[in-house]
Amino acid sequence: MTEETTNKKRSVPLWAQIVIWAILAGLLLLVGLGLKRAQNPMAEVGKPVPDFELVFYEGYEYNDTAKMKLSDLRGKIVVVNIWASWCKPCEQEAPDLEEAWQFYKDSGDVVLVGVDYVDTPAGAKGYLTKFNITFPNAPDLKSNISSILNRQMGVPETYFIDREGVLRHVKVGPFMSVNEIKSVVESID
């Protein structure tokens, strides 16, 4: 080899370096998000739902309680519906959810709770008023509750939790009738 050949440095083009660094950064981000997700407790069908706190909208409390934990509802079947005022399919199912609440509320055995996903308080209150919703409702502005419930596709999604706090059923998308809601509740009871 000549001196000229051995002293020549191989250089990687700048565009290739940028691509390599971007790929590495993306992989690190994915690994980091995966680790964070693995560390946060999440609900799975057939397993106990990790506890979370609900801070209800004024006028939409549960038994005049402004704040409570999911664990406070043990002994009851809990139906958690994640919705948003900007969600058209949520509007479709709102009357059925209210009808189900009216059917079950006096028994005290079934509690329906609405969780307003990434919404504005004004938008949420307008939605609740528009559809004459009376069941308890709480905001989820930072997506904490929907993350714990392991929200899959968007809104609406509904989670059916048995009396022991175990997730029994997840409904992705809107209900087609109040009978669909009752059918799932009856399968748990």
C-alpha atoms as a PDB file:
ATOM      1  CA  MET A   1       0.000   0.000   0.000  1.00  0.00           C
ATOM      2  CA  THR A   2       1.136   3.456  -0.658  1.00  0.00           C
ATOM      3  CA  GLU A   3       1.160   6.222   1.885  1.00  0.00           C
ATOM      4  CA  GLU A   4      -1.515   8.044  -0.052  1.00  0.00           C
ATOM      5  CA  THR A   5      -3.970   5.129   0.245  1.00  0.00           C
ATOM      6  CA  THR A   6      -3.509   4.505   3.955  1.00  0.00           C
ATOM      7  CA  ASN A   7      -3.877   8.145   4.997  1.00  0.00           C
ATOM      8  CA  LYS A   8      -7.091   8.654   3.060  1.00  0.00           C
ATOM      9  CA  LYS A   9     -10.068   8.761   5.397  1.00  0.00           C
ATOM     10  CA  ARG A  10     -13.337   7.271   4.383  1.00  0.00           C
ATOM     11  CA  SER A  11     -16.057   9.761   4.956  1.00  0.00           C
ATOM     12  CA  VAL A  12     -19.733   9.043   5.189  1.00  0.00           C
ATOM     13  CA  PRO A  13     -21.836  11.588   3.331  1.00  0.00           C
ATOM     14  CA  LEU A  14     -23.626  14.083   5.551  1.00  0.00           C
ATOM     15  CA  TRP A  15     -27.074  12.937   4.407  1.00  0.00           C
ATOM     16  CA  ALA A  16     -26.253   9.356   5.446  1.00  0.00           C
ATOM     17  CA  GLN A  17     -25.097  10.526   8.873  1.00  0.00           C
ATOM     18  CA  ILE A  18     -28.338  12.437   9.360  1.00  0.00           C
ATOM     19  CA  VAL A  19     -30.400   9.393   8.358  1.00  0.00           C
ATOM     20  CA  ILE A  20     -28.464   7.135  10.751  1.00  0.00           C
ATOM     21  CA  TRP A  21     -28.857   9.573  13.657  1.00  0.00           C
ATOM     22  CA  ALA A  22     -32.572   9.998  12.921  1.00  0.00           C
ATOM     23  CA  ILE A  23     -33.085   6.231  12.929  1.00  0.00           C
ATOM     24  CA  LEU A  24     -31.187   5.864  16.205  1.00  0.00           C
ATOM     25  CA  ALA A  25     -33.170   8.685  17.805  1.00  0.00           C
ATOM     26  CA  GLY A  26     -36.431   7.093  16.639  1.00  0.00           C
ATOM     27  CA  LEU A  27     -35.439   3.713  18.060  1.00  0.00           C
ATOM     28  CA  LEU A  28     -34.511   5.276  21.392  1.00  0.00           C
ATOM     29  CA  LEU A  29     -37.844   7.075  21.488  1.00  0.00           C
ATOM     30  CA  LEU A  30     -39.746   3.848  20.792  1.00  0.00           C
ATOM     31  CA  VAL A  31     -37.817   1.975  23.475  1.00  0.00           C
ATOM     32  CA  GLY A  32     -38.422   4.802  25.946  1.00  0.00           C
ATOM     33  CA  LEU A  33     -42.156   4.908  25.235  1.00  0.00           C
ATOM     34  CA  GLY A  34     -42.348   1.135  25.511  1.00  0.00           C
ATOM     35  CA  LEU A  35     -40.640   1.193  28.897  1.00  0.00           C
ATOM     36  CA  LYS A  36     -42.910   3.960  30.155  1.00  0.00           C
ATOM     37  CA  ARG A  37     -45.986   2.076  28.985  1.00  0.00           C
ATOM     38  CA  ALA A  38     -44.711  -1.133  30.618  1.00  0.00           C
ATOM     39  CA  GLN A  39     -44.195   0.688  33.932  1.00  0.00           C
ATOM     40  CA  ASN A  40     -47.687   2.201  34.035  1.00  0.00           C
ATOM     41  CA  PRO A  41     -50.421  -0.150  35.235  1.00  0.00           C
ATOM     42  CA  MET A  42     -53.012  -0.873  32.562  1.00  0.00           C
ATOM     43  CA  ALA A  43     -56.269  -2.768  32.516  1.00  0.00           C
ATOM     44  CA  GLU A  44     -56.620  -6.137  30.818  1.00  0.00           C
ATOM     45  CA  VAL A  45     -59.776  -8.202  30.413  1.00  0.00           C
ATOM     46  CA  GLY A  46     -59.868 -10.836  33.142  1.00  0.00           C
ATOM     47  CA  LYS A  47     -57.593  -8.889  35.500  1.00  0.00           C
ATOM     48  CA  PRO A  48     -58.244  -6.307  38.226  1.00  0.00           C
ATOM     49  CA  VAL A  49     -58.403  -2.738  36.953  1.00  0.00           C
ATOM     50  CA  PRO A  50     -55.706  -0.520  38.498  1.00  0.00           C
ATOM     51  CA  ASP A  51     -57.259   2.075  40.765  1.00  0.00           C
ATOM     52  CA  PHE A  52     -57.764   5.626  39.546  1.00  0.00           C
ATOM     53  CA  GLU A  53     -59.393   8.767  40.863  1.00  0.00           C
ATOM     54  CA  LEU A  54     -62.438  10.475  39.405  1.00  0.00           C
ATOM     55  CA  VAL A  55     -63.010  14.180  40.057  1.00  0.00           C
ATOM     56  CA  PHE A  56     -66.541  14.756  38.838  1.00  0.00           C
ATOM     57  CA  TYR A  57     -67.890  17.749  36.993  1.00  0.00           C
ATOM     58  CA  GLU A  58     -70.059  19.947  39.191  1.00  0.00           C
ATOM     59  CA  GLY A  59     -73.626  18.728  38.899  1.00  0.00           C
ATOM     60  CA  TYR A  60     -72.506  15.263  37.740  1.00  0.00           C
ATOM     61  CA  GLU A  61     -71.237  13.829  41.027  1.00  0.00           C
ATOM     62  CA  TYR A  62     -71.932  10.320  42.292  1.00  0.00           C
ATOM     63  CA  ASN A  63     -74.139  10.390  45.400  1.00  0.00           C
ATOM     64  CA  ASP A  64     -73.124  14.008  46.055  1.00  0.00           C
ATOM     65  CA  THR A  65     -69.454  12.994  46.149  1.00  0.00           C
ATOM     66  CA  ALA A  66     -67.204  15.300  44.120  1.00  0.00           C
ATOM     67  CA  LYS A  67     -64.203  12.973  44.103  1.00  0.00           C
ATOM     68  CA  MET A  68     -63.779   9.231  44.466  1.00  0.00           C
ATOM     69  CA  LYS A  69     -61.620   6.281  43.474  1.00  0.00           C
ATOM     70  CA  LEU A  70     -62.700   3.376  41.326  1.00  0.00           C
ATOM     71  CA  SER A  71     -62.045   1.111  44.324  1.00  0.00           C
ATOM     72  CA  ASP A  72     -64.791   2.989  46.236  1.00  0.00           C
ATOM     73  CA  LEU A  73     -67.269   1.301  43.874  1.00  0.00           C
ATOM     74  CA  ARG A  74     -66.239  -2.300  44.710  1.00  0.00           C
ATOM     75  CA  GLY A  75     -69.315  -4.446  45.194  1.00  0.00           C
ATOM     76  CA  LYS A  76     -71.025  -2.798  42.227  1.00  0.00           C
ATOM     77  CA  ILE A  77     -70.825  -3.388  38.494  1.00  0.00           C
ATOM     78  CA  VAL A  78     -69.137  -0.322  37.033  1.00  0.00           C
ATOM     79  CA  VAL A  79     -69.597   0.779  33.432  1.00  0.00           C
ATOM     80  CA  VAL A  80     -66.995   3.374  32.405  1.00  0.00           C
ATOM     81  CA  ASN A  81     -67.753   5.141  29.129  1.00  0.00           C
ATOM     82  CA  ILE A  82     -64.998   7.244  27.553  1.00  0.00           C
ATOM     83  CA  TRP A  83     -66.484   9.965  25.346  1.00  0.00           C
ATOM     84  CA  ALA A  84     -65.809  13.456  24.007  1.00  0.00           C
ATOM     85  CA  SER A  85     -68.029  16.343  22.948  1.00  0.00           C
ATOM     86  CA  TRP A  86     -66.365  16.417  19.509  1.00  0.00           C
ATOM     87  CA  CYS A  87     -67.076  12.697  18.898  1.00  0.00           C
ATOM     88  CA  LYS A  88     -70.015  12.024  16.534  1.00  0.00           C
ATOM     89  CA  PRO A  89     -70.338   8.289  17.422  1.00  0.00           C
ATOM     90  CA  CYS A  90     -70.511   9.349  21.098  1.00  0.00           C
ATOM     91  CA  GLU A  91     -73.587  11.411  20.255  1.00  0.00           C
ATOM     92  CA  GLN A  92     -75.164   8.321  18.709  1.00  0.00           C
ATOM     93  CA  GLU A  93     -74.868   6.285  21.921  1.00  0.00           C
ATOM     94  CA  ALA A  94     -75.517   9.057  24.487  1.00  0.00           C
ATOM     95  CA  PRO A  95     -79.311   8.498  24.721  1.00  0.00           C
ATOM     96  CA  ASP A  96     -78.810   4.731  25.167  1.00  0.00           C
ATOM     97  CA  LEU A  97     -76.284   5.270  27.964  1.00  0.00           C
ATOM     98  CA  GLU A  98     -78.651   7.658  29.751  1.00  0.00           C
ATOM     99  CA  GLU A  99     -81.519   5.182  29.343  1.00  0.00           C
ATOM    100  CA  ALA A 100     -79.336   2.412  30.814  1.00  0.00           C
ATOM    101  CA  TRP A 101     -78.439   4.683  33.748  1.00  0.00           C
ATOM    102  CA  GLN A 102     -82.128   5.415  34.377  1.00  0.00           C
ATOM    103  CA  PHE A 103     -82.825   1.672  34.314  1.00  0.00           C
ATOM    104  CA  TYR A 104     -80.053   0.733  36.787  1.00  0.00           C
ATOM    105  CA  LYS A 105     -79.514   3.747  39.061  1.00  0.00           C
ATOM    106  CA  ASP A 106     -82.217   2.987  41.641  1.00  0.00           C
ATOM    107  CA  SER A 107     -80.946  -0.562  42.196  1.00  0.00           C
ATOM    108  CA  GLY A 108     -77.544   0.738  43.286  1.00  0.00           C
ATOM    109  CA  ASP A 109     -75.936  -2.398  41.859  1.00  0.00           C
ATOM    110  CA  VAL A 110     -74.750  -0.852  38.586  1.00  0.00           C
ATOM    111  CA  VAL A 111     -72.933   2.474  38.321  1.00  0.00           C
ATOM    112  CA  LEU A 112     -72.413   4.159  34.980  1.00  0.00           C
ATOM    113  CA  VAL A 113     -69.581   6.707  34.864  1.00  0.00           C
ATOM    114  CA  GLY A 114     -68.727   8.942  31.937  1.00  0.00           C
ATOM    115  CA  VAL A 115     -65.107   9.945  31.378  1.00  0.00           C
ATOM    116  CA  ASP A 116     -64.716  12.968  29.120  1.00  0.00           C
ATOM    117  CA  TYR A 117     -61.582  12.451  27.020  1.00  0.00           C
ATOM    118  CA  VAL A 118     -59.317  15.406  26.165  1.00  0.00           C
ATOM    119  CA  ASP A 119     -62.055  17.992  25.982  1.00  0.00           C
ATOM    120  CA  THR A 120     -62.825  21.498  27.159  1.00  0.00           C
ATOM    121  CA  PRO A 121     -65.050  22.004  30.205  1.00  0.00           C
ATOM    122  CA  ALA A 122     -67.418  24.158  28.121  1.00  0.00           C
ATOM    123  CA  GLY A 123     -67.626  21.531  25.370  1.00  0.00           C
ATOM    124  CA  ALA A 124     -68.243  18.788  27.908  1.00  0.00           C
ATOM    125  CA  LYS A 125     -70.957  20.667  29.778  1.00  0.00           C
ATOM    126  CA  GLY A 126     -72.646  21.553  26.492  1.00  0.00           C
ATOM    127  CA  TYR A 127     -72.645  17.886  25.459  1.00  0.00           C
ATOM    128  CA  LEU A 128     -74.003  16.704  28.827  1.00  0.00           C
ATOM    129  CA  THR A 129     -76.781  19.298  28.662  1.00  0.00           C
ATOM    130  CA  LYS A 130     -77.619  18.610  25.002  1.00  0.00           C
ATOM    131  CA  PHE A 131     -78.179  14.898  25.685  1.00  0.00           C
ATOM    132  CA  ASN A 132     -79.784  15.351  29.136  1.00  0.00           C
ATOM    133  CA  ILE A 133     -77.098  13.213  30.742  1.00  0.00           C
ATOM    134  CA  THR A 134     -77.589  12.678  34.485  1.00  0.00           C
ATOM    135  CA  PHE A 135     -75.074   9.933  35.295  1.00  0.00           C
ATOM    136  CA  PRO A 136     -71.752  10.815  36.978  1.00  0.00           C
ATOM    137  CA  ASN A 137     -69.127  12.326  34.676  1.00  0.00           C
ATOM    138  CA  ALA A 138     -65.500  13.314  35.138  1.00  0.00           C
ATOM    139  CA  PRO A 139     -62.862  14.873  32.863  1.00  0.00           C
ATOM    140  CA  ASP A 140     -59.742  13.062  31.659  1.00  0.00           C
ATOM    141  CA  LEU A 141     -57.758  16.057  30.434  1.00  0.00           C
ATOM    142  CA  LYS A 142     -54.340  14.415  30.761  1.00  0.00           C
ATOM    143  CA  SER A 143     -55.505  10.987  29.509  1.00  0.00           C
ATOM    144  CA  ASN A 144     -54.610   9.358  32.848  1.00  0.00           C
ATOM    145  CA  ILE A 145     -57.826   7.368  33.166  1.00  0.00           C
ATOM    146  CA  SER A 146     -57.959   6.328  29.514  1.00  0.00           C
ATOM    147  CA  SER A 147     -54.307   5.231  29.722  1.00  0.00           C
ATOM    148  CA  ILE A 148     -54.990   3.077  32.779  1.00  0.00           C
ATOM    149  CA  LEU A 149     -57.997   1.562  31.019  1.00  0.00           C
ATOM    150  CA  ASN A 150     -55.729   0.875  28.029  1.00  0.00           C
ATOM    151  CA  ARG A 151     -57.914   2.752  25.540  1.00  0.00           C
ATOM    152  CA  GLN A 152     -57.527   0.993  22.201  1.00  0.00           C
ATOM    153  CA  MET A 153     -58.981   2.938  19.301  1.00  0.00           C
ATOM    154  CA  GLY A 154     -60.384   6.267  20.359  1.00  0.00           C
ATOM    155  CA  VAL A 155     -63.788   7.302  21.554  1.00  0.00           C
ATOM    156  CA  PRO A 156     -66.237   6.013  22.429  1.00  0.00           C
ATOM    157  CA  GLU A 157     -64.939   3.040  24.369  1.00  0.00           C
ATOM    158  CA  THR A 158     -66.737   1.427  27.289  1.00  0.00           C
ATOM    159  CA  TYR A 159     -65.305  -0.757  30.043  1.00  0.00           C
ATOM    160  CA  PHE A 160     -67.407  -3.162  32.122  1.00  0.00           C
ATOM    161  CA  ILE A 161     -65.915  -3.904  35.533  1.00  0.00           C
ATOM    162  CA  ASP A 162     -67.354  -6.586  37.830  1.00  0.00           C
ATOM    163  CA  ARG A 163     -68.095  -6.329  41.557  1.00  0.00           C
ATOM    164  CA  GLU A 164     -64.549  -7.415  42.463  1.00  0.00           C
ATOM    165  CA  GLY A 165     -62.945  -4.762  40.259  1.00  0.00           C
ATOM    166  CA  VAL A 166     -62.030  -7.121  37.402  1.00  0.00           C
ATOM    167  CA  LEU A 167     -62.378  -5.892  33.816  1.00  0.00           C
ATOM    168  CA  ARG A 168     -64.857  -8.212  32.100  1.00  0.00           C
ATOM    169  CA  HIS A 169     -65.640  -6.589  28.762  1.00  0.00           C
ATOM    170  CA  VAL A 170     -64.490  -3.755  26.510  1.00  0.00           C
ATOM    171  CA  LYS A 171     -66.767  -2.246  23.876  1.00  0.00           C
ATOM    172  CA  VAL A 172     -64.963  -0.282  21.170  1.00  0.00           C
ATOM    173  CA  GLY A 173     -67.261   2.069  19.289  1.00  0.00           C
ATOM    174  CA  PRO A 174     -70.827   3.179  19.954  1.00  0.00           C
ATOM    175  CA  PHE A 175     -73.624   1.036  21.312  1.00  0.00           C
ATOM    176  CA  MET A 176     -76.413   0.346  18.862  1.00  0.00           C
ATOM    177  CA  SER A 177     -79.122   0.080  21.533  1.00  0.00           C
ATOM    178  CA  VAL A 178     -79.760   0.155  25.260  1.00  0.00           C
ATOM    179  CA  ASN A 179     -80.369  -3.602  25.044  1.00  0.00           C
ATOM    180  CA  GLU A 180     -76.751  -4.080  23.981  1.00  0.00           C
ATOM    181  CA  ILE A 181     -75.622  -2.353  27.190  1.00  0.00           C
ATOM    182  CA  LYS A 182     -78.040  -4.364  29.335  1.00  0.00           C
ATOM    183  CA  SER A 183     -76.908  -7.597  27.704  1.00  0.00           C
ATOM    184  CA  VAL A 184     -73.281  -7.005  28.690  1.00  0.00           C
ATOM    185  CA  VAL A 185     -74.236  -5.980  32.238  1.00  0.00           C
ATOM    186  CA  GLU A 186     -76.414  -9.086  32.624  1.00  0.00           C
ATOM    187  CA  SER A 187     -73.589 -11.324  31.398  1.00  0.00           C
ATOM    188  CA  ILE A 188     -71.412  -9.974  34.229  1.00  0.00           C
ATOM    189  CA  ASP A 189     -74.034 -10.098  36.993  1.00  0.00           C
END
